[in-house]
Amino acid sequence: MSLHKWARIVVGLILVFAGFVLVWTPLPVGLPLMLVGLPLLMRFSPTARGIVLKRLRRHPGLARRVRRMAPRHRGD
């Protein structure tokens, strides 16, 4: 994997982790951070994409939106 992809994975992990930590604070910062970090992880990590999509099966409307963000098989 290229440095560019690794950098996005690291940024995505940091955003998701920070969002998870901040989700219980009085300021609503955690959820937006996770919503920014998850697509970054889903773009470059098949494992993260599989976990998120498996969890979203219970919510079909939300799952459709997330699948639109997932990459198409273009040979990335």
Protein backbone atom coordinates (compact mmCIF):
# COMPACT_ATOMS: atom_id res chain seq x y z
CA MET A 1 0.00 0.00 0.00
CA SER A 2 1.17 3.49 -0.70
CA LEU A 3 1.97 6.09 1.92
CA HIS A 4 -1.14 8.04 0.87
CA LYS A 5 -3.42 5.11 1.70
CA TRP A 6 -1.68 4.45 5.02
CA ALA A 7 -2.02 8.11 5.95
CA ARG A 8 -5.78 8.01 5.30
CA ILE A 9 -6.16 4.83 7.33
CA VAL A 10 -4.28 6.40 10.25
CA VAL A 11 -6.35 9.60 10.05
CA GLY A 12 -9.55 7.55 9.88
CA LEU A 13 -8.53 5.50 12.94
CA ILE A 14 -7.65 8.64 14.88
CA LEU A 15 -10.97 10.28 14.01
CA VAL A 16 -13.00 7.20 14.93
CA PHE A 17 -11.09 6.72 18.18
CA ALA A 18 -11.39 10.41 19.11
CA GLY A 19 -15.08 10.31 18.23
CA PHE A 20 -15.60 7.24 20.41
CA VAL A 21 -13.86 8.94 23.33
CA LEU A 22 -15.72 12.24 22.86
CA VAL A 23 -19.18 10.79 22.22
CA TRP A 24 -19.96 10.91 25.96
CA THR A 25 -18.94 14.53 26.45
CA PRO A 26 -21.60 17.25 26.72
CA LEU A 27 -20.48 18.79 23.44
CA PRO A 28 -21.75 16.85 20.38
CA VAL A 29 -18.32 16.32 18.81
CA GLY A 30 -17.91 12.54 18.92
CA LEU A 31 -20.54 11.50 16.38
CA PRO A 32 -19.39 13.90 13.64
CA LEU A 33 -15.80 12.74 14.10
CA MET A 34 -16.86 9.12 13.72
CA LEU A 35 -18.98 9.98 10.66
CA VAL A 36 -15.91 11.51 9.03
CA GLY A 37 -13.51 8.75 10.07
CA LEU A 38 -15.61 5.73 9.10
CA PRO A 39 -15.78 6.48 5.36
CA LEU A 40 -12.00 6.95 5.32
CA LEU A 41 -11.56 3.53 6.89
CA MET A 42 -14.18 1.93 4.69
CA ARG A 43 -12.48 3.26 1.58
CA PHE A 44 -9.16 1.55 2.23
CA SER A 45 -9.93 -1.31 4.61
CA PRO A 46 -12.06 -4.26 3.48
CA THR A 47 -12.17 -5.47 7.09
CA ALA A 48 -13.56 -2.17 8.39
CA ARG A 49 -16.01 -2.02 5.50
CA GLY A 50 -17.24 -5.54 6.27
CA ILE A 51 -17.69 -4.82 9.97
CA VAL A 52 -19.60 -1.60 9.36
CA LEU A 53 -21.84 -3.10 6.68
CA LYS A 54 -22.58 -6.12 8.86
CA ARG A 55 -23.66 -3.82 11.68
CA LEU A 56 -25.82 -1.71 9.37
CA ARG A 57 -27.93 -4.60 8.09
CA ARG A 58 -30.48 -3.78 10.74
CA HIS A 59 -30.91 -0.28 9.26
CA PRO A 60 -31.45 -0.69 5.48
CA GLY A 61 -31.89 3.02 4.70
CA LEU A 62 -28.66 3.98 6.40
CA ALA A 63 -26.90 0.95 4.93
CA ARG A 64 -27.77 2.09 1.38
CA ARG A 65 -26.16 5.47 2.04
CA VAL A 66 -23.01 3.87 3.41
CA ARG A 67 -22.77 1.47 0.46
CA ARG A 68 -22.84 4.45 -1.90
CA MET A 69 -19.70 5.72 -0.14
CA ALA A 70 -17.94 2.34 -0.40
CA PRO A 71 -15.55 2.04 -3.32
CA ARG A 72 -16.45 0.29 -6.51
CA HIS A 73 -14.11 -2.47 -7.61
CA ARG A 74 -11.83 -0.42 -9.85
CA GLY A 75 -8.61 -2.25 -9.13
CA ASP A 76 -7.50 0.08 -6.31
